[in-house]
Amino acid sequence: MRRTTIQTDRAPQAIGPYSQAVRAGDTVWLSGQIPLVPATGELVAGDAAAHIRQVFENLKGLAEASGGSLQHVVKLTIFLTDMDNFALVNELMQEYFREPYPARAAVGVASLPKGVAVEMEAILVLDSD
């Protein structure tokens, strides 16, 4: 199966040896996104809600660059350094997704790159029709 890498300026550039996203067939794997502003590569200013929104915006940019949208997400994995932000993630997720919601996991972790409090990765399946 042919593998295609996805590259866009609507999400932060990779900060290591990985691709922003990879498509194989109708499936697209979006690399973990943290609250970096794509244009500057700097962390977004603001509170936890601003950081979570930026992560969703980065995922949205990658999904659209892949030929889909967030509605094509079948699995979302959320990493949080503070599980007290879980309810906020749920609230903001409803601004970006509608039913049927993707399968999801939320994982509490000790730390994340650049000291951020949230990272998310996603798997999309694009429509073949």
Protein backbone atom coordinates (compact mmCIF):
# COMPACT_ATOMS: atom_id res chain seq x y z
CA MET A 1 0.00 0.00 0.00
CA ARG A 2 1.28 3.43 -0.91
CA ARG A 3 2.03 5.82 1.93
CA THR A 4 1.74 9.58 1.49
CA THR A 5 2.93 12.21 3.93
CA ILE A 6 0.75 15.25 4.57
CA GLN A 7 2.43 18.64 4.93
CA THR A 8 0.59 21.88 5.72
CA ASP A 9 1.27 25.31 7.17
CA ARG A 10 -2.09 25.09 8.98
CA ALA A 11 -0.45 23.00 11.71
CA PRO A 12 2.94 23.34 13.40
CA GLN A 13 5.89 21.92 11.52
CA ALA A 14 7.31 18.69 12.92
CA ILE A 15 9.83 19.34 15.69
CA GLY A 16 11.49 15.95 15.28
CA PRO A 17 11.92 13.07 12.85
CA TYR A 18 8.24 12.49 12.07
CA SER A 19 5.57 13.58 9.59
CA GLN A 20 2.68 15.88 10.44
CA ALA A 21 0.36 13.19 9.10
CA VAL A 22 0.56 10.02 7.01
CA ARG A 23 -2.10 8.64 4.69
CA ALA A 24 -2.28 4.99 3.70
CA GLY A 25 -5.32 4.12 1.60
CA ASP A 26 -8.35 5.85 3.12
CA THR A 27 -6.80 6.07 6.59
CA VAL A 28 -4.88 9.10 7.86
CA TRP A 29 -2.86 9.20 11.07
CA LEU A 30 -2.41 12.70 12.51
CA SER A 31 0.69 13.15 14.66
CA GLY A 32 0.29 14.44 18.18
CA GLN A 33 -0.48 18.14 18.31
CA ILE A 34 0.38 20.50 21.12
CA PRO A 35 -0.80 24.12 21.44
CA LEU A 36 1.75 25.64 19.08
CA VAL A 37 0.68 28.45 16.75
CA PRO A 38 1.51 27.22 13.22
CA ALA A 39 2.72 30.61 11.95
CA THR A 40 5.21 31.17 14.78
CA GLY A 41 5.96 27.76 16.27
CA GLU A 42 5.40 29.34 19.70
CA LEU A 43 2.93 28.26 22.36
CA VAL A 44 -0.42 30.01 22.13
CA ALA A 45 -1.00 32.60 24.82
CA GLY A 46 -3.83 32.12 27.27
CA ASP A 47 -5.41 29.69 29.64
CA ALA A 48 -6.13 25.96 29.39
CA ALA A 49 -9.14 26.61 27.13
CA ALA A 50 -6.97 28.57 24.67
CA HIS A 51 -4.44 25.73 24.63
CA ILE A 52 -7.09 23.06 24.03
CA ARG A 53 -8.69 25.13 21.25
CA GLN A 54 -5.30 25.56 19.55
CA VAL A 55 -4.76 21.80 19.60
CA PHE A 56 -8.18 21.26 18.02
CA GLU A 57 -7.39 23.94 15.40
CA ASN A 58 -4.09 22.21 14.58
CA LEU A 59 -5.86 18.86 14.19
CA LYS A 60 -8.51 20.55 12.04
CA GLY A 61 -5.83 22.03 9.77
CA LEU A 62 -4.18 18.64 9.33
CA ALA A 63 -7.50 16.88 8.72
CA GLU A 64 -8.41 19.39 6.02
CA ALA A 65 -4.95 19.18 4.42
CA SER A 66 -5.51 15.43 4.27
CA GLY A 67 -8.70 15.89 2.26
CA GLY A 68 -11.10 15.43 5.15
CA SER A 69 -12.40 17.17 8.23
CA LEU A 70 -12.68 16.53 11.94
CA GLN A 71 -15.92 14.67 11.16
CA HIS A 72 -13.72 11.96 9.58
CA VAL A 73 -11.95 11.29 12.89
CA VAL A 74 -12.69 7.76 14.07
CA LYS A 75 -10.27 7.76 17.05
CA LEU A 76 -9.01 10.64 19.16
CA THR A 77 -6.37 10.19 21.85
CA ILE A 78 -5.93 12.96 24.42
CA PHE A 79 -2.95 13.27 26.73
CA LEU A 80 -3.34 15.54 29.77
CA THR A 81 -0.87 16.41 32.51
CA ASP A 82 -3.80 17.54 34.68
CA MET A 83 -6.93 15.39 34.54
CA ASP A 84 -8.83 18.29 36.10
CA ASN A 85 -8.92 19.65 32.51
CA PHE A 86 -10.87 16.62 31.29
CA ALA A 87 -14.28 18.33 31.67
CA LEU A 88 -12.98 21.35 29.76
CA VAL A 89 -11.79 19.09 26.93
CA ASN A 90 -15.28 17.54 26.80
CA GLU A 91 -16.90 20.97 26.66
CA LEU A 92 -14.63 22.32 23.92
CA MET A 93 -14.72 19.09 21.93
CA GLN A 94 -18.40 19.74 21.28
CA GLU A 95 -17.41 22.94 19.42
CA TYR A 96 -15.33 20.90 16.96
CA PHE A 97 -17.17 17.57 16.65
CA ARG A 98 -20.76 16.51 16.23
CA GLU A 99 -22.40 13.12 16.55
CA PRO A 100 -21.45 10.46 15.85
CA TYR A 101 -18.43 11.29 18.00
CA PRO A 102 -15.16 9.46 17.46
CA ALA A 103 -13.92 6.73 19.76
CA ARG A 104 -11.64 8.33 22.32
CA ALA A 105 -9.12 7.77 25.07
CA ALA A 106 -7.92 10.30 27.62
CA VAL A 107 -4.62 9.50 29.27
CA GLY A 108 -3.08 11.22 32.27
CA VAL A 109 0.65 11.68 31.80
CA ALA A 110 3.48 13.13 33.88
CA SER A 111 4.79 15.49 31.21
CA LEU A 112 4.52 16.46 27.54
CA PRO A 113 6.83 18.15 25.02
CA LYS A 114 7.68 21.80 25.73
CA GLY A 115 6.00 21.48 29.15
CA VAL A 116 2.48 21.78 27.72
CA ALA A 117 -0.58 20.44 29.50
CA VAL A 118 -2.35 18.86 26.50
CA GLU A 119 -1.50 16.86 23.37
CA MET A 120 -3.88 15.08 21.00
CA GLU A 121 -3.49 12.69 18.09
CA ALA A 122 -6.16 11.37 15.76
CA ILE A 123 -6.96 8.74 13.16
CA LEU A 124 -9.23 9.64 10.24
CA VAL A 125 -10.95 7.42 7.71
CA LEU A 126 -11.80 9.34 4.56
CA ASP A 127 -14.93 8.60 2.58
CA SER A 128 -14.23 6.61 -0.54
CA ASP A 129 -17.35 7.85 -2.34
